[in-house]
Amino acid sequence: MNYDDLASFMPQIRQIRFFNCLSEEQRSALLAISSIHDISAGDMIVTQDGVGDALFFVLRGNVEVSIKDLYGKDVIISRLERGEVFGEAAIFLSARRTATVAAASDTTVIRIRRSDLLSFFRNHPAGGNKILTLIILSLLKKIKITNEDLVLEKQSDFDFDYVDNLVQDFLTETEDDN
């Protein structure tokens, strides 16, 4: 979509932290390099192991983030709502995506390609610094949530190991009594 089409979404765009922090000139420049995409419920936006070259903002609807488990089954690890961002790592790395993101409902996203965003950073350093700071904070928040999930999983594993040991001790004592 061109900038005129983006203007119809301006109330929603201004509610997104990444756009809200910018001056009107910076926001206009960022929107000029953005595109809006309508995604039907169930459609994939990015796929795990695909090479990423853009980041996305959820403008309307919501998406589910999933990864494949050891058996190749998709496991939903999070749900992102309006105003949230995904694909941030693609701005820093030309690497394979670590997850699949699919529309959980009819969804509209804003897409910004890496090359365009890097050009924005060069041409609007103050706005670029704000965007980079928010991207880093977003990634740190996701790392924190992942670490908390890992701790809970490890605690859960520990508890099961403890219970398994108790059961094994009990069975051994029972066998010794016979």
N, C-alpha and C. Protein backbone atom coordinates (compact mmCIF):
# COMPACT_ATOMS: atom_id res chain seq x y z
N MET A 1 0.84 -1.18 0.00
CA MET A 1 0.00 0.00 0.00
C MET A 1 0.88 1.24 0.00
N ASN A 2 0.38 2.29 -0.56
CA ASN A 2 1.15 3.52 -0.53
C ASN A 2 0.79 4.34 0.71
N TYR A 3 1.47 5.47 0.89
CA TYR A 3 1.27 6.26 2.11
C TYR A 3 -0.17 6.73 2.26
N ASP A 4 -0.85 7.04 1.16
CA ASP A 4 -2.25 7.46 1.26
C ASP A 4 -3.11 6.38 1.90
N ASP A 5 -2.85 5.11 1.54
CA ASP A 5 -3.59 4.01 2.15
C ASP A 5 -3.24 3.88 3.63
N LEU A 6 -1.98 4.11 3.97
CA LEU A 6 -1.55 4.03 5.36
C LEU A 6 -2.26 5.07 6.23
N ALA A 7 -2.58 6.21 5.63
CA ALA A 7 -3.21 7.30 6.39
C ALA A 7 -4.52 6.85 7.02
N SER A 8 -5.24 5.95 6.37
CA SER A 8 -6.51 5.48 6.94
C SER A 8 -6.29 4.68 8.23
N PHE A 9 -5.09 4.19 8.44
CA PHE A 9 -4.77 3.42 9.63
C PHE A 9 -4.07 4.26 10.70
N MET A 10 -3.96 5.57 10.47
CA MET A 10 -3.16 6.42 11.35
C MET A 10 -3.58 6.33 12.82
N PRO A 11 -4.86 6.29 13.18
CA PRO A 11 -5.18 6.18 14.62
C PRO A 11 -4.57 4.92 15.26
N GLN A 12 -4.63 3.79 14.56
CA GLN A 12 -4.04 2.56 15.09
C GLN A 12 -2.51 2.62 15.10
N ILE A 13 -1.95 3.22 14.05
CA ILE A 13 -0.49 3.32 13.95
C ILE A 13 0.06 4.16 15.10
N ARG A 14 -0.60 5.24 15.44
CA ARG A 14 -0.13 6.11 16.52
C ARG A 14 -0.16 5.42 17.87
N GLN A 15 -0.93 4.35 17.99
CA GLN A 15 -0.99 3.61 19.26
C GLN A 15 0.17 2.62 19.39
N ILE A 16 0.88 2.37 18.31
CA ILE A 16 2.03 1.46 18.35
C ILE A 16 3.24 2.25 18.85
N ARG A 17 3.83 1.76 19.91
CA ARG A 17 4.93 2.45 20.58
C ARG A 17 6.05 2.87 19.63
N PHE A 18 6.38 2.00 18.68
CA PHE A 18 7.48 2.28 17.75
C PHE A 18 7.20 3.51 16.90
N PHE A 19 5.95 3.73 16.56
CA PHE A 19 5.59 4.87 15.73
C PHE A 19 5.27 6.09 16.59
N ASN A 20 4.71 5.86 17.75
CA ASN A 20 4.29 6.92 18.65
C ASN A 20 5.46 7.75 19.16
N CYS A 21 6.63 7.15 19.29
CA CYS A 21 7.80 7.84 19.85
C CYS A 21 8.47 8.78 18.84
N LEU A 22 8.06 8.73 17.60
CA LEU A 22 8.72 9.50 16.55
C LEU A 22 8.05 10.85 16.33
N SER A 23 8.82 11.79 15.82
CA SER A 23 8.25 13.07 15.41
C SER A 23 7.37 12.82 14.18
N GLU A 24 6.56 13.77 13.83
CA GLU A 24 5.69 13.61 12.66
C GLU A 24 6.51 13.37 11.39
N GLU A 25 7.64 14.10 11.24
CA GLU A 25 8.50 13.92 10.07
C GLU A 25 9.10 12.51 10.04
N GLN A 26 9.59 12.05 11.20
CA GLN A 26 10.19 10.72 11.28
C GLN A 26 9.13 9.64 11.02
N ARG A 27 7.96 9.80 11.61
CA ARG A 27 6.87 8.83 11.42
C ARG A 27 6.49 8.76 9.94
N SER A 28 6.38 9.91 9.29
CA SER A 28 6.03 9.95 7.86
C SER A 28 7.10 9.23 7.03
N ALA A 29 8.37 9.46 7.36
CA ALA A 29 9.46 8.80 6.64
C ALA A 29 9.43 7.29 6.86
N LEU A 30 9.14 6.87 8.09
CA LEU A 30 9.07 5.43 8.38
C LEU A 30 7.88 4.80 7.67
N LEU A 31 6.76 5.48 7.68
CA LEU A 31 5.58 4.95 7.00
C LEU A 31 5.78 4.90 5.48
N ALA A 32 6.58 5.80 4.96
CA ALA A 32 6.84 5.81 3.51
C ALA A 32 7.59 4.56 3.06
N ILE A 33 8.32 3.92 3.96
CA ILE A 33 9.05 2.70 3.62
C ILE A 33 8.34 1.45 4.13
N SER A 34 7.15 1.62 4.67
CA SER A 34 6.37 0.52 5.22
C SER A 34 5.32 0.05 4.23
N SER A 35 4.87 -1.16 4.43
CA SER A 35 3.74 -1.65 3.64
C SER A 35 2.76 -2.35 4.58
N ILE A 36 1.51 -2.31 4.23
CA ILE A 36 0.47 -2.94 5.04
C ILE A 36 -0.01 -4.19 4.30
N HIS A 37 -0.19 -5.27 5.06
CA HIS A 37 -0.62 -6.54 4.48
C HIS A 37 -1.77 -7.10 5.30
N ASP A 38 -2.84 -7.46 4.62
CA ASP A 38 -3.96 -8.16 5.26
C ASP A 38 -3.68 -9.65 5.17
N ILE A 39 -3.78 -10.32 6.31
CA ILE A 39 -3.49 -11.75 6.39
C ILE A 39 -4.74 -12.46 6.88
N SER A 40 -5.16 -13.50 6.19
CA SER A 40 -6.33 -14.27 6.62
C SER A 40 -5.97 -15.20 7.77
N ALA A 41 -6.95 -15.45 8.63
CA ALA A 41 -6.74 -16.36 9.76
C ALA A 41 -6.18 -17.68 9.26
N GLY A 42 -5.12 -18.14 9.93
CA GLY A 42 -4.49 -19.41 9.58
C GLY A 42 -3.32 -19.29 8.61
N ASP A 43 -3.22 -18.17 7.90
CA ASP A 43 -2.13 -18.00 6.96
C ASP A 43 -0.83 -17.68 7.68
N MET A 44 0.27 -18.21 7.14
CA MET A 44 1.59 -17.95 7.72
C MET A 44 2.13 -16.62 7.22
N ILE A 45 2.78 -15.91 8.13
CA ILE A 45 3.40 -14.64 7.78
C ILE A 45 4.89 -14.86 7.58
N VAL A 46 5.51 -15.57 8.50
CA VAL A 46 6.90 -16.01 8.35
C VAL A 46 6.97 -17.47 8.76
N THR A 47 7.93 -18.19 8.21
CA THR A 47 8.06 -19.61 8.54
C THR A 47 9.41 -19.89 9.18
N GLN A 48 9.38 -20.81 10.11
CA GLN A 48 10.60 -21.23 10.77
C GLN A 48 11.57 -21.74 9.72
N ASP A 49 12.81 -21.35 9.84
CA ASP A 49 13.91 -21.69 8.94
C ASP A 49 13.93 -20.89 7.64
N GLY A 50 12.91 -20.08 7.38
CA GLY A 50 12.96 -19.16 6.24
C GLY A 50 13.90 -18.02 6.59
N VAL A 51 14.54 -17.44 5.58
CA VAL A 51 15.46 -16.33 5.84
C VAL A 51 14.64 -15.05 5.98
N GLY A 52 14.90 -14.33 7.07
CA GLY A 52 14.15 -13.11 7.35
C GLY A 52 14.82 -11.88 6.79
N ASP A 53 14.00 -10.95 6.30
CA ASP A 53 14.54 -9.67 5.82
C ASP A 53 13.65 -8.51 6.22
N ALA A 54 12.73 -8.74 7.17
CA ALA A 54 11.80 -7.68 7.56
C ALA A 54 11.31 -7.91 8.98
N LEU A 55 10.84 -6.82 9.56
CA LEU A 55 10.14 -6.93 10.84
C LEU A 55 8.70 -6.52 10.61
N PHE A 56 7.84 -6.91 11.55
CA PHE A 56 6.40 -6.72 11.39
C PHE A 56 5.81 -6.15 12.67
N PHE A 57 4.77 -5.35 12.49
CA PHE A 57 3.98 -4.84 13.61
C PHE A 57 2.55 -5.31 13.40
N VAL A 58 1.93 -5.81 14.47
CA VAL A 58 0.53 -6.21 14.38
C VAL A 58 -0.32 -4.95 14.49
N LEU A 59 -1.03 -4.66 13.44
CA LEU A 59 -1.86 -3.46 13.39
C LEU A 59 -3.30 -3.77 13.82
N ARG A 60 -3.75 -4.96 13.44
CA ARG A 60 -5.11 -5.39 13.77
C ARG A 60 -5.08 -6.91 13.86
N GLY A 61 -5.86 -7.47 14.78
CA GLY A 61 -5.90 -8.92 14.93
C GLY A 61 -4.82 -9.42 15.87
N ASN A 62 -4.46 -10.69 15.71
CA ASN A 62 -3.39 -11.27 16.52
C ASN A 62 -2.75 -12.43 15.78
N VAL A 63 -1.55 -12.76 16.22
CA VAL A 63 -0.78 -13.83 15.58
C VAL A 63 -0.31 -14.81 16.64
N GLU A 64 -0.03 -16.02 16.19
CA GLU A 64 0.54 -17.04 17.06
C GLU A 64 1.95 -17.37 16.58
N VAL A 65 2.85 -17.45 17.54
CA VAL A 65 4.24 -17.78 17.27
C VAL A 65 4.43 -19.24 17.67
N SER A 66 4.96 -20.05 16.77
CA SER A 66 5.15 -21.47 17.07
C SER A 66 6.52 -21.93 16.59
N ILE A 67 6.96 -23.01 17.21
CA ILE A 67 8.20 -23.67 16.78
C ILE A 67 7.91 -25.16 16.66
N LYS A 68 8.71 -25.82 15.87
CA LYS A 68 8.54 -27.26 15.71
C LYS A 68 9.26 -27.98 16.84
N ASP A 69 8.58 -28.98 17.42
CA ASP A 69 9.22 -29.77 18.46
C ASP A 69 10.08 -30.86 17.81
N LEU A 70 10.62 -31.75 18.61
CA LEU A 70 11.50 -32.79 18.10
C LEU A 70 10.82 -33.72 17.10
N TYR A 71 9.49 -33.77 17.15
CA TYR A 71 8.74 -34.65 16.27
C TYR A 71 8.16 -33.91 15.06
N GLY A 72 8.52 -32.64 14.92
CA GLY A 72 8.04 -31.86 13.79
C GLY A 72 6.66 -31.25 13.98
N LYS A 73 6.13 -31.37 15.18
CA LYS A 73 4.80 -30.81 15.47
C LYS A 73 4.96 -29.35 15.90
N ASP A 74 4.06 -28.48 15.39
CA ASP A 74 4.10 -27.07 15.77
C ASP A 74 3.60 -26.90 17.20
N VAL A 75 4.38 -26.18 18.00
CA VAL A 75 4.02 -25.88 19.38
C VAL A 75 3.94 -24.36 19.52
N ILE A 76 2.75 -23.88 19.89
CA ILE A 76 2.56 -22.44 20.05
C ILE A 76 3.29 -21.99 21.31
N ILE A 77 4.17 -20.99 21.15
CA ILE A 77 4.94 -20.51 22.29
C ILE A 77 4.49 -19.13 22.77
N SER A 78 3.79 -18.41 21.91
CA SER A 78 3.26 -17.11 22.34
C SER A 78 2.21 -16.62 21.36
N ARG A 79 1.48 -15.62 21.83
CA ARG A 79 0.47 -14.96 21.01
C ARG A 79 0.76 -13.46 21.09
N LEU A 80 0.80 -12.81 19.94
CA LEU A 80 1.07 -11.38 19.89
C LEU A 80 -0.19 -10.64 19.46
N GLU A 81 -0.44 -9.53 20.12
CA GLU A 81 -1.65 -8.75 19.90
C GLU A 81 -1.32 -7.46 19.16
N ARG A 82 -2.35 -6.67 18.94
CA ARG A 82 -2.21 -5.38 18.27
C ARG A 82 -1.13 -4.53 18.96
N GLY A 83 -0.28 -3.94 18.14
CA GLY A 83 0.78 -3.07 18.65
C GLY A 83 2.10 -3.77 18.89
N GLU A 84 2.10 -5.11 18.88
CA GLU A 84 3.34 -5.83 19.16
C GLU A 84 4.14 -6.07 17.88
N VAL A 85 5.42 -6.34 18.06
CA VAL A 85 6.36 -6.48 16.96
C VAL A 85 6.91 -7.90 16.94
N PHE A 86 7.24 -8.38 15.75
CA PHE A 86 7.97 -9.65 15.62
C PHE A 86 8.90 -9.55 14.41
N GLY A 87 9.89 -10.43 14.41
CA GLY A 87 10.87 -10.43 13.33
C GLY A 87 12.02 -9.46 13.55
N GLU A 88 12.19 -8.97 14.78
CA GLU A 88 13.23 -7.98 15.05
C GLU A 88 14.63 -8.47 14.73
N ALA A 89 14.89 -9.74 14.96
CA ALA A 89 16.23 -10.26 14.72
C ALA A 89 16.64 -10.13 13.26
N ALA A 90 15.66 -10.12 12.35
CA ALA A 90 15.96 -10.00 10.92
C ALA A 90 16.59 -8.65 10.58
N ILE A 91 16.44 -7.68 11.47
CA ILE A 91 17.06 -6.37 11.23
C ILE A 91 18.56 -6.45 11.46
N PHE A 92 18.99 -7.33 12.36
CA PHE A 92 20.40 -7.43 12.73
C PHE A 92 21.12 -8.56 12.01
N LEU A 93 20.38 -9.62 11.69
CA LEU A 93 21.01 -10.83 11.15
C LEU A 93 20.32 -11.27 9.87
N SER A 94 21.10 -11.75 8.96
CA SER A 94 20.53 -12.41 7.78
C SER A 94 20.59 -13.90 8.09
N ALA A 95 19.69 -14.31 8.95
CA ALA A 95 19.69 -15.69 9.44
C ALA A 95 18.30 -16.30 9.26
N ARG A 96 18.25 -17.58 9.44
CA ARG A 96 16.97 -18.28 9.34
C ARG A 96 16.07 -17.92 10.52
N ARG A 97 14.79 -17.81 10.25
CA ARG A 97 13.81 -17.51 11.30
C ARG A 97 13.78 -18.65 12.31
N THR A 98 13.62 -18.28 13.57
CA THR A 98 13.61 -19.28 14.65
C THR A 98 12.21 -19.77 14.96
N ALA A 99 11.19 -19.17 14.34
CA ALA A 99 9.81 -19.57 14.62
C ALA A 99 8.93 -19.28 13.41
N THR A 100 7.76 -19.86 13.44
CA THR A 100 6.72 -19.57 12.47
C THR A 100 5.74 -18.62 13.11
N VAL A 101 5.27 -17.64 12.36
CA VAL A 101 4.25 -16.73 12.85
C VAL A 101 3.08 -16.81 11.88
N ALA A 102 1.91 -17.13 12.42
CA ALA A 102 0.69 -17.27 11.62
C ALA A 102 -0.41 -16.41 12.21
N ALA A 103 -1.29 -15.93 11.35
CA ALA A 103 -2.42 -15.14 11.81
C ALA A 103 -3.39 -16.04 12.56
N ALA A 104 -3.71 -15.67 13.80
CA ALA A 104 -4.67 -16.43 14.60
C ALA A 104 -6.09 -15.99 14.27
N SER A 105 -6.22 -14.80 13.72
CA SER A 105 -7.49 -14.25 13.26
C SER A 105 -7.17 -13.43 12.02
N ASP A 106 -8.18 -12.92 11.36
CA ASP A 106 -7.88 -12.01 10.26
C ASP A 106 -7.04 -10.87 10.84
N THR A 107 -5.90 -10.63 10.24
CA THR A 107 -4.89 -9.74 10.82
C THR A 107 -4.35 -8.79 9.77
N THR A 108 -3.99 -7.62 10.22
CA THR A 108 -3.29 -6.65 9.37
C THR A 108 -1.95 -6.36 10.02
N VAL A 109 -0.89 -6.41 9.22
CA VAL A 109 0.45 -6.14 9.73
C VAL A 109 1.10 -5.04 8.92
N ILE A 110 2.02 -4.34 9.56
CA ILE A 110 2.90 -3.40 8.88
C ILE A 110 4.23 -4.13 8.71
N ARG A 111 4.77 -4.09 7.51
CA ARG A 111 6.03 -4.75 7.22
C ARG A 111 7.06 -3.70 6.82
N ILE A 112 8.26 -3.81 7.40
CA ILE A 112 9.36 -2.94 7.03
C ILE A 112 10.59 -3.81 6.73
N ARG A 113 11.09 -3.69 5.53
CA ARG A 113 12.27 -4.47 5.12
C ARG A 113 13.54 -3.91 5.76
N ARG A 114 14.49 -4.80 6.01
CA ARG A 114 15.77 -4.45 6.62
C ARG A 114 16.46 -3.33 5.85
N SER A 115 16.60 -3.47 4.55
CA SER A 115 17.33 -2.46 3.77
C SER A 115 16.67 -1.09 3.87
N ASP A 116 15.34 -1.05 3.89
CA ASP A 116 14.65 0.22 4.02
C ASP A 116 14.83 0.81 5.41
N LEU A 117 14.80 -0.04 6.42
CA LEU A 117 14.95 0.45 7.79
C LEU A 117 16.38 0.96 8.02
N LEU A 118 17.36 0.28 7.46
CA LEU A 118 18.74 0.75 7.59
C LEU A 118 18.92 2.11 6.92
N SER A 119 18.26 2.30 5.79
CA SER A 119 18.29 3.60 5.13
C SER A 119 17.62 4.66 6.01
N PHE A 120 16.52 4.30 6.65
CA PHE A 120 15.85 5.23 7.58
C PHE A 120 16.81 5.62 8.70
N PHE A 121 17.54 4.65 9.25
CA PHE A 121 18.49 4.93 10.34
C PHE A 121 19.54 5.95 9.89
N ARG A 122 20.05 5.79 8.66
CA ARG A 122 21.06 6.72 8.15
C ARG A 122 20.49 8.13 7.94
N ASN A 123 19.28 8.19 7.42
CA ASN A 123 18.67 9.48 7.08
C ASN A 123 17.99 10.17 8.27
N HIS A 124 17.66 9.42 9.30
CA HIS A 124 16.96 9.96 10.47
C HIS A 124 17.59 9.36 11.73
N PRO A 125 18.83 9.75 12.06
CA PRO A 125 19.54 9.11 13.17
C PRO A 125 18.81 9.22 14.51
N ALA A 126 18.17 10.32 14.81
CA ALA A 126 17.47 10.45 16.09
C ALA A 126 16.30 9.47 16.16
N GLY A 127 15.52 9.40 15.09
CA GLY A 127 14.42 8.44 15.03
C GLY A 127 14.94 7.01 15.00
N GLY A 128 16.05 6.81 14.28
CA GLY A 128 16.66 5.48 14.21
C GLY A 128 17.11 4.99 15.58
N ASN A 129 17.69 5.90 16.37
CA ASN A 129 18.11 5.53 17.73
C ASN A 129 16.92 5.11 18.58
N LYS A 130 15.82 5.82 18.44
CA LYS A 130 14.61 5.46 19.20
C LYS A 130 14.11 4.08 18.78
N ILE A 131 14.04 3.84 17.48
CA ILE A 131 13.57 2.55 16.97
C ILE A 131 14.50 1.43 17.41
N LEU A 132 15.81 1.64 17.28
CA LEU A 132 16.77 0.61 17.71
C LEU A 132 16.64 0.31 19.20
N THR A 133 16.46 1.34 20.01
CA THR A 133 16.29 1.14 21.44
C THR A 133 15.05 0.30 21.71
N LEU A 134 13.95 0.60 21.03
CA LEU A 134 12.72 -0.16 21.24
C LEU A 134 12.85 -1.60 20.74
N ILE A 135 13.58 -1.80 19.64
CA ILE A 135 13.82 -3.17 19.16
C ILE A 135 14.61 -3.95 20.19
N ILE A 136 15.66 -3.34 20.72
CA ILE A 136 16.49 -4.02 21.74
C ILE A 136 15.65 -4.33 22.98
N LEU A 137 14.86 -3.37 23.42
CA LEU A 137 14.00 -3.62 24.59
C LEU A 137 12.99 -4.74 24.32
N SER A 138 12.45 -4.78 23.12
CA SER A 138 11.53 -5.85 22.75
C SER A 138 12.22 -7.22 22.79
N LEU A 139 13.42 -7.27 22.23
CA LEU A 139 14.17 -8.54 22.26
C LEU A 139 14.53 -8.95 23.69
N LEU A 140 14.92 -7.98 24.51
CA LEU A 140 15.25 -8.29 25.91
C LEU A 140 14.03 -8.80 26.67
N LYS A 141 12.87 -8.22 26.40
CA LYS A 141 11.63 -8.68 27.03
C LYS A 141 11.34 -10.13 26.63
N LYS A 142 11.54 -10.44 25.37
CA LYS A 142 11.30 -11.81 24.90
C LYS A 142 12.31 -12.78 25.51
N ILE A 143 13.56 -12.35 25.67
CA ILE A 143 14.57 -13.20 26.32
C ILE A 143 14.18 -13.44 27.78
N LYS A 144 13.71 -12.40 28.47
CA LYS A 144 13.30 -12.54 29.86
C LYS A 144 12.17 -13.56 30.00
N ILE A 145 11.18 -13.45 29.13
CA ILE A 145 10.05 -14.39 29.18
C ILE A 145 10.53 -15.81 28.90
N THR A 146 11.42 -15.96 27.92
CA THR A 146 11.96 -17.28 27.61
C THR A 146 12.74 -17.84 28.79
N ASN A 147 13.55 -17.01 29.43
CA ASN A 147 14.30 -17.47 30.61
C ASN A 147 13.37 -17.90 31.73
N GLU A 148 12.30 -17.14 31.96
CA GLU A 148 11.33 -17.52 32.99
C GLU A 148 10.68 -18.85 32.65
N ASP A 149 10.34 -19.05 31.37
CA ASP A 149 9.75 -20.32 30.95
C ASP A 149 10.72 -21.47 31.15
N LEU A 150 12.01 -21.23 30.85
CA LEU A 150 13.02 -22.27 31.04
C LEU A 150 13.18 -22.64 32.51
N VAL A 151 13.15 -21.63 33.37
CA VAL A 151 13.27 -21.89 34.81
C VAL A 151 12.09 -22.75 35.27
N LEU A 152 10.89 -22.39 34.83
CA LEU A 152 9.71 -23.17 35.21
C LEU A 152 9.81 -24.60 34.70
N GLU A 153 10.30 -24.75 33.47
CA GLU A 153 10.45 -26.08 32.91
C GLU A 153 11.50 -26.88 33.67
N LYS A 154 12.62 -26.24 34.00
CA LYS A 154 13.67 -26.92 34.76
C LYS A 154 13.17 -27.29 36.15
N GLN A 155 12.42 -26.37 36.77
CA GLN A 155 11.85 -26.67 38.09
C GLN A 155 10.91 -27.86 37.99
N SER A 156 10.11 -27.86 36.93
CA SER A 156 9.18 -28.95 36.72
C SER A 156 9.96 -30.25 36.52
N ASP A 157 11.03 -30.22 35.71
CA ASP A 157 11.86 -31.41 35.51
C ASP A 157 12.46 -31.87 36.83
N PHE A 158 12.94 -30.93 37.62
CA PHE A 158 13.54 -31.27 38.90
C PHE A 158 12.52 -31.96 39.80
N ASP A 159 11.33 -31.41 39.88
CA ASP A 159 10.30 -31.99 40.73
C ASP A 159 9.96 -33.41 40.30
N PHE A 160 9.87 -33.64 38.98
CA PHE A 160 9.56 -34.98 38.51
C PHE A 160 10.72 -35.94 38.80
N ASP A 161 11.94 -35.47 38.66
CA ASP A 161 13.08 -36.31 38.99
C ASP A 161 13.05 -36.68 40.47
N TYR A 162 12.72 -35.70 41.30
CA TYR A 162 12.64 -35.95 42.74
C TYR A 162 11.57 -36.99 43.05
N VAL A 163 10.40 -36.83 42.43
CA VAL A 163 9.31 -37.78 42.65
C VAL A 163 9.71 -39.16 42.12
N ASP A 164 10.34 -39.19 40.96
CA ASP A 164 10.79 -40.48 40.40
C ASP A 164 11.76 -41.17 41.35
N ASN A 165 12.66 -40.40 41.94
CA ASN A 165 13.62 -40.97 42.89
C ASN A 165 12.91 -41.50 44.13
N LEU A 166 11.93 -40.77 44.62
CA LEU A 166 11.17 -41.26 45.77
C LEU A 166 10.46 -42.56 45.44
N VAL A 167 9.85 -42.62 44.28
CA VAL A 167 9.15 -43.85 43.86
C VAL A 167 10.15 -44.99 43.74
N GLN A 168 11.29 -44.72 43.13
CA GLN A 168 12.31 -45.76 42.98
C GLN A 168 12.81 -46.24 44.34
N ASP A 169 13.05 -45.31 45.26
CA ASP A 169 13.47 -45.70 46.62
C ASP A 169 12.41 -46.55 47.29
N PHE A 170 11.17 -46.15 47.13
CA PHE A 170 10.06 -46.90 47.73
C PHE A 170 10.00 -48.31 47.14
N LEU A 171 10.13 -48.41 45.82
CA LEU A 171 10.08 -49.74 45.19
C LEU A 171 11.24 -50.60 45.64
N THR A 172 12.41 -49.99 45.78
CA THR A 172 13.58 -50.73 46.23
C THR A 172 13.40 -51.22 47.65
N GLU A 173 12.88 -50.37 48.52
CA GLU A 173 12.60 -50.78 49.91
C GLU A 173 11.57 -51.89 49.96
N THR A 174 10.56 -51.80 49.10
CA THR A 174 9.51 -52.81 49.07
C THR A 174 10.08 -54.13 48.61
N GLU A 175 10.96 -54.13 47.61
CA GLU A 175 11.59 -55.35 47.13
C GLU A 175 12.49 -55.95 48.21
N ASP A 176 13.21 -55.08 48.94
CA ASP A 176 14.11 -55.56 49.99
C ASP A 176 13.32 -56.20 51.13
N ASP A 177 12.11 -55.71 51.38
CA ASP A 177 11.28 -56.27 52.45
C ASP A 177 10.73 -57.63 52.08
N ASN A 178 10.67 -57.93 50.80
CA ASN A 178 10.14 -59.25 50.37
C ASN A 178 11.22 -60.25 50.43
